[in-house]
Amino acid sequence: MAIKKKVVRKTGARRPGARAKKSTPVKFQRPEEVERWIKREVAAQERIYRGIVREMNALNDRRIKWVKEFYQRLQTRGFSVHAGIRRKVRPEEIPPVPKRIRVVF
């Protein structure tokens, strides 16, 4: 049977309880060509984003119409509770139609 030796790892010349030194962040400068590319890319992404927001806001009136139609369907046809069982929703259970629907994309 072999006897195992205890391995002791040296932690350097630190005193017990001493704090390790904090390293300072390295400042990195990008080349000018990279900076120009990033600015162009950010501008292009913002332009695309503004177009999407414009399209989504233009759909708001349609969305309100869709919500009203959905509420009407809930009151006339109802929804499936289980298998072939349907439940109609009473008008007082329907929430008010929102003025604006926030779309997260």
Protein backbone atom coordinates (compact mmCIF):
# COMPACT_ATOMS: atom_id res chain seq x y z
CA MET A 1 0.00 0.00 0.00
CA ALA A 2 1.38 3.35 -1.09
CA ILE A 3 1.37 6.34 1.22
CA LYS A 4 -0.08 9.49 -0.33
CA LYS A 5 1.71 12.75 0.24
CA LYS A 6 -0.26 15.85 1.06
CA VAL A 7 0.06 18.44 -1.70
CA VAL A 8 0.58 21.97 -0.47
CA ARG A 9 0.04 24.72 -3.00
CA LYS A 10 1.92 27.93 -2.57
CA THR A 11 -0.15 31.08 -2.89
CA GLY A 12 2.71 33.45 -3.36
CA ALA A 13 4.17 35.89 -0.89
CA ARG A 14 0.81 37.13 0.39
CA ARG A 15 0.24 37.40 4.06
CA PRO A 16 -2.70 35.48 5.46
CA GLY A 17 -5.78 37.70 5.24
CA ALA A 18 -4.18 40.13 2.78
CA ARG A 19 -6.32 41.24 -0.15
CA ALA A 20 -5.32 40.62 -3.72
CA LYS A 21 -4.47 43.67 -5.79
CA LYS A 22 -7.17 44.92 -8.12
CA SER A 23 -6.13 45.01 -11.73
CA THR A 24 -6.75 48.19 -13.67
CA PRO A 25 -8.74 47.85 -16.89
CA VAL A 26 -6.71 47.99 -20.07
CA LYS A 27 -7.73 50.81 -22.38
CA PHE A 28 -8.16 49.60 -25.91
CA GLN A 29 -8.47 51.91 -28.86
CA ARG A 30 -10.06 50.68 -32.04
CA PRO A 31 -8.60 51.62 -35.40
CA GLU A 32 -10.29 54.59 -37.10
CA GLU A 33 -11.62 52.35 -39.88
CA VAL A 34 -13.40 50.15 -37.31
CA GLU A 35 -14.91 53.20 -35.58
CA ARG A 36 -16.31 54.46 -38.91
CA TRP A 37 -17.77 51.01 -39.66
CA ILE A 38 -19.45 50.87 -36.23
CA LYS A 39 -20.99 54.33 -36.73
CA ARG A 40 -22.33 53.33 -40.17
CA GLU A 41 -23.73 50.09 -38.78
CA VAL A 42 -25.43 51.83 -35.84
CA ALA A 43 -26.99 54.38 -38.19
CA ALA A 44 -28.27 51.60 -40.47
CA GLN A 45 -29.75 49.66 -37.53
CA GLU A 46 -31.48 52.77 -36.18
CA ARG A 47 -32.94 53.49 -39.63
CA ILE A 48 -34.30 49.92 -39.83
CA TYR A 49 -35.69 50.19 -36.29
CA ARG A 50 -37.50 53.48 -37.06
CA GLY A 51 -39.07 51.84 -40.14
CA ILE A 52 -40.31 48.90 -38.06
CA VAL A 53 -41.74 51.23 -35.40
CA ARG A 54 -43.51 53.28 -38.09
CA GLU A 55 -45.09 50.12 -39.57
CA MET A 56 -46.13 48.78 -36.15
CA ASN A 57 -47.72 52.11 -35.16
CA ALA A 58 -49.58 52.28 -38.48
CA LEU A 59 -51.24 48.94 -37.59
CA ASN A 60 -52.68 50.24 -34.31
CA ASP A 61 -56.14 51.04 -35.72
CA ARG A 62 -56.35 47.58 -37.27
CA ARG A 63 -55.24 45.98 -34.01
CA ILE A 64 -58.02 47.78 -32.10
CA LYS A 65 -60.49 46.49 -34.70
CA TRP A 66 -59.15 42.94 -34.28
CA VAL A 67 -59.56 43.18 -30.49
CA LYS A 68 -63.18 44.34 -30.85
CA GLU A 69 -63.90 41.46 -33.26
CA PHE A 70 -62.30 39.02 -30.81
CA TYR A 71 -64.40 40.34 -27.92
CA GLN A 72 -67.51 39.98 -30.10
CA ARG A 73 -66.62 36.37 -30.95
CA LEU A 74 -66.13 35.58 -27.27
CA GLN A 75 -69.63 36.84 -26.52
CA THR A 76 -71.38 35.13 -29.46
CA ARG A 77 -69.48 31.85 -30.03
CA GLY A 78 -67.57 31.57 -26.77
CA PHE A 79 -64.42 29.50 -26.31
CA SER A 80 -63.69 25.81 -25.76
CA VAL A 81 -63.59 24.80 -22.14
CA HIS A 82 -63.21 21.05 -22.60
CA ALA A 83 -63.64 18.81 -25.64
CA GLY A 84 -66.91 19.97 -27.28
CA ILE A 85 -68.01 22.18 -24.37
CA ARG A 86 -68.03 25.91 -25.15
CA ARG A 87 -68.55 28.84 -22.79
CA LYS A 88 -69.84 32.27 -23.82
CA VAL A 89 -68.39 35.28 -22.08
CA ARG A 90 -70.83 37.78 -20.57
CA PRO A 91 -70.39 41.46 -21.58
CA GLU A 92 -69.48 42.49 -18.01
CA GLU A 93 -66.55 40.01 -18.07
CA ILE A 94 -65.03 41.64 -21.15
CA PRO A 95 -62.29 44.20 -20.33
CA PRO A 96 -62.50 47.67 -21.93
CA VAL A 97 -60.94 48.09 -25.36
CA PRO A 98 -57.49 49.68 -24.96
CA LYS A 99 -56.77 53.01 -26.64
CA ARG A 100 -53.38 51.82 -27.76
CA ILE A 101 -51.81 48.38 -27.84
CA ARG A 102 -48.12 48.25 -27.04
CA VAL A 103 -46.27 45.85 -29.28
CA VAL A 104 -42.94 44.45 -28.13
CA PHE A 105 -40.69 43.22 -30.91
